[in-house]
Amino acid sequence: MLDLGRLRALHAVAVHGSVGAAAAALGYTPSAVSQQISKLERETRTTLLERRGRGVRLTDDAHQLARTAQQLMALVEEAEVRLEERRGQPSGRLAIGCFASAARGLMPGALAELARRHPALDARLTEVDPHLSVDLVARGALDLAVAHDWDIAPLPAPPGVEQAVIGDDLCDVLVPRRHPLAERAAIRREDLAGERWITQPPGTVCHDWLVRTMRAAGCEPRIAHQAEENHTQVALVAAGLGVALVPRLGRGPLPPEVTAVRLDPVPVRRLSALWREGAARRPAIRETVRLLQELWPGVASAA
């Protein structure tokens, strides 16, 4: 009989693309994941992973087995949901994916409160890009994701995934303190034509929003520097190297060299929680989403 834990390890490699990423998602070491898959290869007498450069690729047999593993995991999840429903209390493991600024500004308090209220619940957080987290939920690699989208760049949920709004996160334009726009109470997008921008790399939600918004205002943004972390973007603005559009959540206090200016209309990104339809009855899902919505007003007002 095939071992479910080993199938779960193979499925994680298929979803995350590497042994290292699968290990991080499962909370194991890469060596432990490799050992699980080696044992699965011996059990099935089948080659599942092939070396490719510094990484590995799944064989055709491995992809087929990973799809079967996903179906088995869905059955296990259904059994766990029913048991948790009968207990009536959040329990078991809950894998949560969250983008960086919410992982810093929202989730620490939420996870601490979950642990206090529900000691039988083992909630585990993984930082992941919003574009990836929705798919990871749909494929069963995450139980719950906290993602965001923007007013002109929605992040639709695929079939089989439900979502609920947590709240709206406002964004400001950050400029160097001696910048000509720093004394303005509010500015419009047209006022930013010709500025040197500091933003996230292409393919991220924030980068795509900036490009589309500035183009809609009739100007192509001059992207000078790219940095994934908001704190790095703030440091670059403080050095006088450009301006940045940075959400308030997780931003923290600004250094004296940086001024936040309101952009009119104010850019808004909406935070949502997403989960699979099959897990919607699970008390752990319902309680976590309810808690995030409960905590959001206080988090937003403090940002």
Protein backbone atom coordinates (compact mmCIF):
# COMPACT_ATOMS: atom_id res chain seq x y z
CA MET A 1 0.00 0.00 0.00
CA LEU A 2 1.31 3.44 -0.93
CA ASP A 3 2.18 5.73 1.96
CA LEU A 4 0.10 8.94 2.00
CA GLY A 5 2.94 11.00 3.50
CA ARG A 6 5.22 10.04 0.61
CA LEU A 7 2.49 10.84 -1.90
CA ARG A 8 2.04 14.21 -0.20
CA ALA A 9 5.76 14.91 -0.62
CA LEU A 10 5.60 14.08 -4.33
CA HIS A 11 2.51 16.24 -4.77
CA ALA A 12 4.30 19.15 -3.05
CA VAL A 13 7.24 18.87 -5.45
CA ALA A 14 4.83 18.84 -8.39
CA VAL A 15 3.02 21.93 -7.08
CA HIS A 16 6.01 23.99 -5.92
CA GLY A 17 8.47 22.97 -8.64
CA SER A 18 11.45 21.90 -6.53
CA VAL A 19 12.39 19.75 -3.57
CA GLY A 20 13.52 22.80 -1.60
CA ALA A 21 10.27 24.71 -2.16
CA ALA A 22 8.23 21.60 -1.34
CA ALA A 23 10.19 21.14 1.89
CA ALA A 24 9.56 24.76 2.91
CA ALA A 25 5.82 24.37 2.28
CA LEU A 26 5.58 21.11 4.22
CA GLY A 27 7.77 22.24 7.10
CA TYR A 28 10.37 19.53 6.41
CA THR A 29 14.03 19.60 5.37
CA PRO A 30 14.88 19.05 1.68
CA SER A 31 16.68 15.86 2.72
CA ALA A 32 13.52 14.53 4.37
CA VAL A 33 11.46 15.20 1.23
CA SER A 34 14.08 13.52 -0.96
CA GLN A 35 14.06 10.49 1.33
CA GLN A 36 10.26 10.26 1.17
CA ILE A 37 10.32 10.29 -2.62
CA SER A 38 13.18 7.78 -2.77
CA LYS A 39 11.11 5.40 -0.62
CA LEU A 40 8.12 6.00 -2.90
CA GLU A 41 10.28 5.11 -5.91
CA ARG A 42 11.24 1.84 -4.27
CA GLU A 43 7.60 1.12 -3.35
CA THR A 44 6.40 1.74 -6.89
CA ARG A 45 9.56 0.45 -8.63
CA THR A 46 9.30 3.59 -10.75
CA THR A 47 11.63 6.52 -11.41
CA LEU A 48 9.82 9.64 -10.24
CA LEU A 49 12.48 12.38 -10.28
CA GLU A 50 15.17 13.00 -12.87
CA ARG A 51 18.11 15.34 -12.42
CA ARG A 52 18.10 18.44 -14.62
CA GLY A 53 21.01 20.80 -13.98
CA ARG A 54 20.88 21.78 -10.33
CA GLY A 55 17.22 20.85 -10.02
CA VAL A 56 14.91 17.95 -10.75
CA ARG A 57 11.99 17.25 -13.04
CA LEU A 58 9.08 14.91 -12.53
CA THR A 59 8.75 12.00 -14.94
CA ASP A 60 5.47 11.30 -16.72
CA ASP A 61 4.77 8.54 -14.20
CA ALA A 62 5.41 10.99 -11.37
CA HIS A 63 2.94 13.52 -12.80
CA GLN A 64 0.30 10.79 -13.04
CA LEU A 65 0.98 9.69 -9.47
CA ALA A 66 0.89 13.31 -8.25
CA ARG A 67 -2.58 13.74 -9.78
CA THR A 68 -3.73 10.60 -7.99
CA ALA A 69 -2.17 11.94 -4.79
CA GLN A 70 -4.20 15.13 -5.13
CA GLN A 71 -7.40 13.10 -5.39
CA LEU A 72 -6.48 11.07 -2.31
CA MET A 73 -5.61 14.20 -0.37
CA ALA A 74 -9.01 15.65 -1.27
CA LEU A 75 -10.66 12.56 0.22
CA VAL A 76 -8.54 12.85 3.36
CA GLU A 77 -9.44 16.54 3.60
CA GLU A 78 -13.14 15.68 3.38
CA ALA A 79 -12.74 13.17 6.22
CA GLU A 80 -10.87 15.73 8.33
CA VAL A 81 -13.54 18.36 7.65
CA ARG A 82 -16.28 16.01 8.83
CA LEU A 83 -14.39 15.16 12.01
CA GLU A 84 -13.71 18.82 12.74
CA GLU A 85 -17.36 19.61 12.09
CA ARG A 86 -18.40 16.98 14.63
CA ARG A 87 -16.05 18.45 17.24
CA GLY A 88 -17.37 21.92 16.48
CA GLN A 89 -13.99 23.51 17.24
CA PRO A 90 -11.07 24.55 14.97
CA SER A 91 -8.40 21.86 15.15
CA GLY A 92 -5.72 20.12 13.11
CA ARG A 93 -3.21 21.73 10.78
CA LEU A 94 -4.11 24.82 8.75
CA ALA A 95 -1.67 25.83 5.99
CA ILE A 96 -1.98 29.56 5.27
CA GLY A 97 -0.32 31.44 2.42
CA CYS A 98 0.06 35.21 2.57
CA PHE A 99 1.81 37.99 0.66
CA ALA A 100 4.73 39.78 2.28
CA SER A 101 3.25 42.98 3.74
CA ALA A 102 0.24 41.17 5.20
CA ALA A 103 2.55 38.51 6.60
CA ARG A 104 4.30 41.34 8.43
CA GLY A 105 1.41 43.68 9.26
CA LEU A 106 -1.64 41.43 9.74
CA MET A 107 -0.78 37.79 10.31
CA PRO A 108 1.42 37.89 13.45
CA GLY A 109 -1.46 39.24 15.54
CA ALA A 110 -3.98 36.95 13.85
CA LEU A 111 -1.87 33.82 14.37
CA ALA A 112 -1.20 34.70 18.00
CA GLU A 113 -4.93 35.21 18.62
CA LEU A 114 -5.78 31.92 16.90
CA ALA A 115 -3.27 30.11 19.11
CA ARG A 116 -4.75 31.74 22.21
CA ARG A 117 -8.36 30.98 21.37
CA HIS A 118 -7.90 27.57 19.74
CA PRO A 119 -4.90 25.66 21.12
CA ALA A 120 -5.92 22.53 19.16
CA LEU A 121 -5.41 24.38 15.88
CA ASP A 122 -1.91 24.22 14.34
CA ALA A 123 -1.89 27.21 11.94
CA ARG A 124 1.26 27.50 9.80
CA LEU A 125 2.17 30.49 7.62
CA THR A 126 4.03 30.57 4.29
CA GLU A 127 4.87 33.84 2.55
CA VAL A 128 3.86 33.62 -1.11
CA ASP A 129 3.03 35.98 -3.98
CA PRO A 130 -0.71 36.62 -4.51
CA HIS A 131 -0.52 35.39 -8.11
CA LEU A 132 0.73 32.02 -6.85
CA SER A 133 -1.30 31.65 -3.66
CA VAL A 134 -4.69 31.36 -5.38
CA ASP A 135 -3.46 28.49 -7.55
CA LEU A 136 -1.87 26.80 -4.55
CA VAL A 137 -5.23 26.88 -2.78
CA ALA A 138 -6.99 25.45 -5.82
CA ARG A 139 -4.44 22.62 -6.06
CA GLY A 140 -4.64 21.75 -2.38
CA ALA A 141 -1.16 22.91 -1.37
CA LEU A 142 -2.63 25.60 0.89
CA ASP A 143 -5.80 25.48 2.98
CA LEU A 144 -6.26 29.24 3.07
CA ALA A 145 -4.66 32.20 1.30
CA VAL A 146 -4.66 35.91 2.06
CA ALA A 147 -4.24 37.67 -1.27
CA HIS A 148 -4.86 41.12 -2.69
CA ASP A 149 -5.90 42.75 -5.91
CA TRP A 150 -6.23 46.33 -7.16
CA ASP A 151 -9.14 48.29 -8.55
CA ILE A 152 -7.93 47.93 -12.15
CA ALA A 153 -6.10 44.61 -11.71
CA PRO A 154 -8.55 42.11 -10.19
CA LEU A 155 -7.39 38.70 -9.01
CA PRO A 156 -10.23 36.35 -9.96
CA ALA A 157 -10.78 33.14 -8.02
CA PRO A 158 -10.75 30.00 -10.20
CA PRO A 159 -13.65 27.53 -10.15
CA GLY A 160 -13.83 25.62 -6.90
CA VAL A 161 -12.33 28.44 -4.82
CA GLU A 162 -14.40 30.71 -2.59
CA GLN A 163 -13.35 34.07 -1.22
CA ALA A 164 -14.38 36.69 1.33
CA VAL A 165 -13.25 40.30 1.60
CA ILE A 166 -11.08 41.16 4.60
CA GLY A 167 -10.74 44.89 3.97
CA ASP A 168 -9.22 47.68 1.88
CA ASP A 169 -5.61 48.80 2.15
CA LEU A 170 -4.90 52.40 1.07
CA CYS A 171 -1.73 53.39 -0.77
CA ASP A 172 0.33 56.60 -0.82
CA VAL A 173 3.00 58.02 -3.07
CA LEU A 174 6.28 58.22 -1.17
CA VAL A 175 8.62 61.00 -2.22
CA PRO A 176 11.93 62.35 -0.84
CA ARG A 177 11.35 65.07 1.77
CA ARG A 178 12.91 67.76 -0.45
CA HIS A 179 10.92 66.70 -3.53
CA PRO A 180 8.77 69.48 -5.11
CA LEU A 181 5.62 67.38 -4.53
CA ALA A 182 6.36 66.77 -0.83
CA GLU A 183 4.47 69.90 0.31
CA ARG A 184 1.33 69.11 -1.66
CA ALA A 185 -1.75 67.90 0.23
CA ALA A 186 -2.72 65.69 -2.72
CA ILE A 187 -1.51 65.00 -6.24
CA ARG A 188 -2.96 63.43 -9.34
CA ARG A 189 -1.47 60.79 -11.58
CA GLU A 190 -0.66 63.38 -14.23
CA ASP A 191 1.59 65.19 -11.73
CA LEU A 192 3.86 62.14 -11.66
CA ALA A 193 4.71 62.13 -15.38
CA GLY A 194 8.46 61.94 -15.86
CA GLU A 195 9.23 60.78 -12.30
CA ARG A 196 11.72 57.99 -11.68
CA TRP A 197 9.80 55.11 -10.13
CA ILE A 198 10.83 52.53 -7.57
CA THR A 199 8.57 49.48 -7.74
CA GLN A 200 8.35 45.73 -7.54
CA PRO A 201 9.64 43.53 -10.40
CA PRO A 202 7.49 42.80 -13.48
CA GLY A 203 4.86 40.12 -13.02
CA THR A 204 3.87 41.26 -9.54
CA VAL A 205 0.47 42.80 -8.87
CA CYS A 206 1.93 46.13 -7.70
CA HIS A 207 4.18 46.50 -10.75
CA ASP A 208 1.35 45.70 -13.16
CA TRP A 209 -0.95 48.17 -11.41
CA LEU A 210 1.61 50.98 -11.66
CA VAL A 211 2.25 50.42 -15.36
CA ARG A 212 -1.42 50.18 -16.28
CA THR A 213 -2.41 53.18 -14.16
CA MET A 214 0.26 55.51 -15.49
CA ARG A 215 -0.40 54.45 -19.06
CA ALA A 216 -4.09 55.16 -18.52
CA ALA A 217 -3.05 58.67 -17.45
CA GLY A 218 -1.20 59.09 -20.73
CA CYS A 219 2.40 58.53 -19.66
CA GLU A 220 4.81 55.63 -19.60
CA PRO A 221 6.34 55.19 -16.12
CA ARG A 222 10.13 55.50 -15.94
CA ILE A 223 11.04 52.55 -13.75
CA ALA A 224 14.48 53.18 -12.31
CA HIS A 225 14.74 50.60 -9.54
CA GLN A 226 12.97 47.32 -8.74
CA ALA A 227 12.76 45.81 -5.27
CA GLU A 228 10.40 43.19 -3.87
CA GLU A 229 10.38 44.43 -0.26
CA ASN A 230 8.48 47.61 0.60
CA HIS A 231 11.12 48.49 3.19
CA THR A 232 13.77 48.43 0.45
CA GLN A 233 11.64 50.73 -1.69
CA VAL A 234 11.30 53.14 1.24
CA ALA A 235 15.08 53.13 1.72
CA LEU A 236 15.61 53.94 -1.96
CA VAL A 237 13.14 56.83 -1.74
CA ALA A 238 14.94 58.09 1.38
CA ALA A 239 18.16 58.16 -0.64
CA GLY A 240 16.50 60.45 -3.19
CA LEU A 241 16.53 57.87 -5.99
CA GLY A 242 12.90 58.12 -7.03
CA VAL A 243 9.28 57.91 -5.92
CA ALA A 244 7.24 54.84 -5.00
CA LEU A 245 3.63 53.83 -4.56
CA VAL A 246 3.56 51.84 -1.30
CA PRO A 247 0.53 50.41 0.55
CA ARG A 248 0.13 51.30 4.21
CA LEU A 249 -0.19 47.74 5.51
CA GLY A 250 3.09 46.52 6.92
CA ARG A 251 4.91 49.68 5.83
CA GLY A 252 5.82 50.82 9.31
CA PRO A 253 6.99 54.33 10.33
CA LEU A 254 8.60 56.34 7.56
CA PRO A 255 12.10 57.79 8.01
CA PRO A 256 12.35 61.59 8.22
CA GLU A 257 13.78 61.71 4.68
CA VAL A 258 10.50 60.38 3.22
CA THR A 259 7.08 62.05 2.88
CA ALA A 260 3.81 60.27 2.09
CA VAL A 261 1.55 62.23 -0.28
CA ARG A 262 -2.07 61.32 -0.99
CA LEU A 263 -2.80 60.35 -4.58
CA ASP A 264 -6.20 61.47 -5.87
CA PRO A 265 -8.10 59.24 -6.45
CA VAL A 266 -6.59 57.11 -3.69
CA PRO A 267 -5.29 53.73 -4.94
CA VAL A 268 -6.86 50.84 -3.05
CA ARG A 269 -5.90 47.21 -2.91
CA ARG A 270 -8.47 44.81 -1.52
CA LEU A 271 -7.44 41.98 0.78
CA SER A 272 -9.36 38.72 0.50
CA ALA A 273 -9.24 35.28 2.06
CA LEU A 274 -9.57 32.32 -0.32
CA TRP A 275 -10.22 28.63 0.33
CA ARG A 276 -11.49 25.57 -1.50
CA GLU A 277 -15.23 24.94 -1.63
CA GLY A 278 -14.70 21.50 -0.13
CA ALA A 279 -13.18 23.02 2.99
CA ALA A 280 -15.78 25.75 3.47
CA ARG A 281 -17.49 23.79 6.27
CA ARG A 282 -14.29 23.44 8.26
CA PRO A 283 -14.47 25.39 11.55
CA ALA A 284 -10.78 26.32 11.25
CA ILE A 285 -11.45 28.08 7.94
CA ARG A 286 -14.55 29.87 9.15
CA GLU A 287 -12.92 31.01 12.40
CA THR A 288 -9.72 32.23 10.72
CA VAL A 289 -11.61 34.25 8.11
CA ARG A 290 -13.89 35.71 10.79
CA LEU A 291 -10.89 36.66 12.93
CA LEU A 292 -9.09 38.34 10.04
CA GLN A 293 -12.19 40.42 9.32
CA GLU A 294 -12.52 41.24 13.02
CA LEU A 295 -8.90 42.39 13.34
CA TRP A 296 -8.71 44.35 10.09
CA PRO A 297 -10.23 47.71 11.21
CA GLY A 298 -7.67 48.01 14.00
CA VAL A 299 -4.80 47.00 11.73
CA ALA A 300 -5.89 49.43 8.99
CA SER A 301 -6.29 52.37 11.37
CA ALA A 302 -2.82 51.75 12.83
CA ALA A 303 -1.13 51.50 9.43
